[in-house]
Amino acid sequence: RDGKIRKMFNLSKEDDVRQYVVHRQLPEKDGKKARSKAPKIQRLVTPARIQRKRKVQALKKQRTEKNKIQAAEFAKHIAQRLREKRQALLSRRRSSNRTSTSSA
């Protein structure tokens, strides 16, 4: 892990951890120059990881904003429905009161 290598070699955040890993030399093949292999470093912070994290956070923020807007619209819609329902109830009461008083 990145943190363990940093601790072992007493490195700061600015130091490149990849340089302190043990490399294994591979034999030459078909006239190509010799290569070396190194183990994968877990939890290594790369520009791609930083960009991915930024993208995920932006998407999360967009989702919360969208949900907030939708919740406000829904609340407005529900309030409108309640107003209409109340008005319909009141108009029914008024009309029933008028008919009962006129017939009596």
C-alpha atoms as a PDB file:
ATOM      1  CA  ARG A   1       0.000   0.000   0.000  1.00  0.00           C
ATOM      2  CA  ASP A   2       0.934   3.578  -0.662  1.00  0.00           C
ATOM      3  CA  GLY A   3       0.818   4.512   3.019  1.00  0.00           C
ATOM      4  CA  LYS A   4       2.979   1.588   4.141  1.00  0.00           C
ATOM      5  CA  ILE A   5       5.697   2.414   1.584  1.00  0.00           C
ATOM      6  CA  ARG A   6       5.642   6.066   2.677  1.00  0.00           C
ATOM      7  CA  LYS A   7       5.977   5.012   6.324  1.00  0.00           C
ATOM      8  CA  MET A   8       8.768   2.531   5.599  1.00  0.00           C
ATOM      9  CA  PHE A   9      10.941   4.991   3.661  1.00  0.00           C
ATOM     10  CA  ASN A  10       9.809   8.068   5.637  1.00  0.00           C
ATOM     11  CA  LEU A  11       8.484   9.807   2.506  1.00  0.00           C
ATOM     12  CA  SER A  12       6.407  12.957   2.238  1.00  0.00           C
ATOM     13  CA  LYS A  13       3.274  13.408   0.124  1.00  0.00           C
ATOM     14  CA  GLU A  14       5.335  15.019  -2.658  1.00  0.00           C
ATOM     15  CA  ASP A  15       7.705  12.040  -3.064  1.00  0.00           C
ATOM     16  CA  ASP A  16       6.952   9.484  -5.789  1.00  0.00           C
ATOM     17  CA  VAL A  17       6.255   6.142  -4.122  1.00  0.00           C
ATOM     18  CA  ARG A  18       6.731   4.194  -7.373  1.00  0.00           C
ATOM     19  CA  GLN A  19      10.482   4.796  -7.288  1.00  0.00           C
ATOM     20  CA  TYR A  20      10.851   3.009  -3.931  1.00  0.00           C
ATOM     21  CA  VAL A  21       9.266  -0.288  -5.019  1.00  0.00           C
ATOM     22  CA  VAL A  22      11.372  -3.379  -5.732  1.00  0.00           C
ATOM     23  CA  HIS A  23      11.601  -3.962  -9.500  1.00  0.00           C
ATOM     24  CA  ARG A  24      12.135  -7.432 -10.969  1.00  0.00           C
ATOM     25  CA  GLN A  25      14.241  -7.576 -14.134  1.00  0.00           C
ATOM     26  CA  LEU A  26      12.779  -9.621 -17.002  1.00  0.00           C
ATOM     27  CA  PRO A  27      15.024 -11.377 -19.543  1.00  0.00           C
ATOM     28  CA  GLU A  28      15.465  -9.949 -23.035  1.00  0.00           C
ATOM     29  CA  LYS A  29      13.157 -11.299 -25.750  1.00  0.00           C
ATOM     30  CA  ASP A  30      13.688 -11.308 -29.523  1.00  0.00           C
ATOM     31  CA  GLY A  31      16.288  -8.554 -29.488  1.00  0.00           C
ATOM     32  CA  LYS A  32      14.116  -6.157 -27.460  1.00  0.00           C
ATOM     33  CA  LYS A  33      15.728  -4.424 -24.516  1.00  0.00           C
ATOM     34  CA  ALA A  34      15.266  -5.781 -20.986  1.00  0.00           C
ATOM     35  CA  ARG A  35      12.163  -4.733 -19.055  1.00  0.00           C
ATOM     36  CA  SER A  36      11.356  -4.695 -15.383  1.00  0.00           C
ATOM     37  CA  LYS A  37       8.190  -5.451 -13.487  1.00  0.00           C
ATOM     38  CA  ALA A  38       6.996  -3.940 -10.227  1.00  0.00           C
ATOM     39  CA  PRO A  39       4.074  -4.890  -7.993  1.00  0.00           C
ATOM     40  CA  LYS A  40       0.900  -2.831  -8.186  1.00  0.00           C
ATOM     41  CA  ILE A  41       0.751  -0.178  -5.472  1.00  0.00           C
ATOM     42  CA  GLN A  42      -2.639  -0.142  -3.753  1.00  0.00           C
ATOM     43  CA  ARG A  43      -4.334   3.180  -2.935  1.00  0.00           C
ATOM     44  CA  LEU A  44      -1.967   5.158  -5.127  1.00  0.00           C
ATOM     45  CA  VAL A  45      -3.420   8.619  -5.732  1.00  0.00           C
ATOM     46  CA  THR A  46      -3.127   9.375  -9.438  1.00  0.00           C
ATOM     47  CA  PRO A  47      -4.514  12.243 -11.549  1.00  0.00           C
ATOM     48  CA  ALA A  48      -7.124   9.830 -12.937  1.00  0.00           C
ATOM     49  CA  ARG A  49      -8.329   8.977  -9.418  1.00  0.00           C
ATOM     50  CA  ILE A  50      -8.523  12.648  -8.475  1.00  0.00           C
ATOM     51  CA  GLN A  51     -10.501  13.401 -11.642  1.00  0.00           C
ATOM     52  CA  ARG A  52     -12.840  10.444 -10.982  1.00  0.00           C
ATOM     53  CA  LYS A  53     -13.439  11.599  -7.419  1.00  0.00           C
ATOM     54  CA  ARG A  54     -14.206  15.117  -8.639  1.00  0.00           C
ATOM     55  CA  LYS A  55     -16.648  13.729 -11.216  1.00  0.00           C
ATOM     56  CA  VAL A  56     -18.433  11.533  -8.647  1.00  0.00           C
ATOM     57  CA  GLN A  57     -18.762  14.472  -6.252  1.00  0.00           C
ATOM     58  CA  ALA A  58     -20.107  16.703  -9.052  1.00  0.00           C
ATOM     59  CA  LEU A  59     -22.677  14.052 -10.007  1.00  0.00           C
ATOM     60  CA  LYS A  60     -23.699  13.717  -6.370  1.00  0.00           C
ATOM     61  CA  LYS A  61     -24.135  17.491  -6.107  1.00  0.00           C
ATOM     62  CA  GLN A  62     -26.193  17.574  -9.324  1.00  0.00           C
ATOM     63  CA  ARG A  63     -28.416  14.776  -7.994  1.00  0.00           C
ATOM     64  CA  THR A  64     -29.075  16.606  -4.726  1.00  0.00           C
ATOM     65  CA  GLU A  65     -29.859  19.859  -6.572  1.00  0.00           C
ATOM     66  CA  LYS A  66     -32.214  18.059  -8.952  1.00  0.00           C
ATOM     67  CA  ASN A  67     -33.953  16.268  -6.074  1.00  0.00           C
ATOM     68  CA  LYS A  68     -34.339  19.558  -4.183  1.00  0.00           C
ATOM     69  CA  ILE A  69     -35.928  21.219  -7.221  1.00  0.00           C
ATOM     70  CA  GLN A  70     -38.230  18.251  -7.822  1.00  0.00           C
ATOM     71  CA  ALA A  71     -39.273  18.188  -4.152  1.00  0.00           C
ATOM     72  CA  ALA A  72     -40.131  21.900  -4.297  1.00  0.00           C
ATOM     73  CA  GLU A  73     -42.184  21.385  -7.474  1.00  0.00           C
ATOM     74  CA  PHE A  74     -43.971  18.427  -5.900  1.00  0.00           C
ATOM     75  CA  ALA A  75     -44.766  20.412  -2.737  1.00  0.00           C
ATOM     76  CA  LYS A  76     -46.126  23.236  -4.898  1.00  0.00           C
ATOM     77  CA  HIS A  77     -48.248  20.748  -6.856  1.00  0.00           C
ATOM     78  CA  ILE A  78     -49.619  19.169  -3.664  1.00  0.00           C
ATOM     79  CA  ALA A  79     -50.439  22.606  -2.212  1.00  0.00           C
ATOM     80  CA  GLN A  80     -52.298  23.513  -5.423  1.00  0.00           C
ATOM     81  CA  ARG A  81     -54.275  20.256  -5.236  1.00  0.00           C
ATOM     82  CA  LEU A  82     -55.199  20.921  -1.597  1.00  0.00           C
ATOM     83  CA  ARG A  83     -56.326  24.476  -2.467  1.00  0.00           C
ATOM     84  CA  GLU A  84     -58.509  23.163  -5.292  1.00  0.00           C
ATOM     85  CA  LYS A  85     -59.956  20.447  -3.048  1.00  0.00           C
ATOM     86  CA  ARG A  86     -60.749  22.975  -0.288  1.00  0.00           C
ATOM     87  CA  GLN A  87     -62.334  25.349  -2.766  1.00  0.00           C
ATOM     88  CA  ALA A  88     -64.459  22.589  -4.236  1.00  0.00           C
ATOM     89  CA  LEU A  89     -65.587  21.574  -0.746  1.00  0.00           C
ATOM     90  CA  LEU A  90     -66.432  25.162   0.196  1.00  0.00           C
ATOM     91  CA  SER A  91     -68.321  25.763  -3.040  1.00  0.00           C
ATOM     92  CA  ARG A  92     -70.315  22.550  -2.454  1.00  0.00           C
ATOM     93  CA  ARG A  93     -71.180  23.696   1.064  1.00  0.00           C
ATOM     94  CA  ARG A  94     -72.206  27.146  -0.172  1.00  0.00           C
ATOM     95  CA  SER A  95     -74.360  25.734  -2.945  1.00  0.00           C
ATOM     96  CA  SER A  96     -76.039  23.256  -0.581  1.00  0.00           C
ATOM     97  CA  ASN A  97     -76.689  26.079   1.915  1.00  0.00           C
ATOM     98  CA  ARG A  98     -78.273  28.239  -0.815  1.00  0.00           C
ATOM     99  CA  THR A  99     -80.551  25.464  -2.042  1.00  0.00           C
ATOM    100  CA  SER A 100     -81.694  24.551   1.473  1.00  0.00           C
ATOM    101  CA  THR A 101     -82.469  28.174   2.453  1.00  0.00           C
ATOM    102  CA  SER A 102     -84.319  28.975  -0.760  1.00  0.00           C
ATOM    103  CA  SER A 103     -86.552  25.911  -0.530  1.00  0.00           C
ATOM    104  CA  ALA A 104     -87.511  26.523   3.108  1.00  0.00           C
END
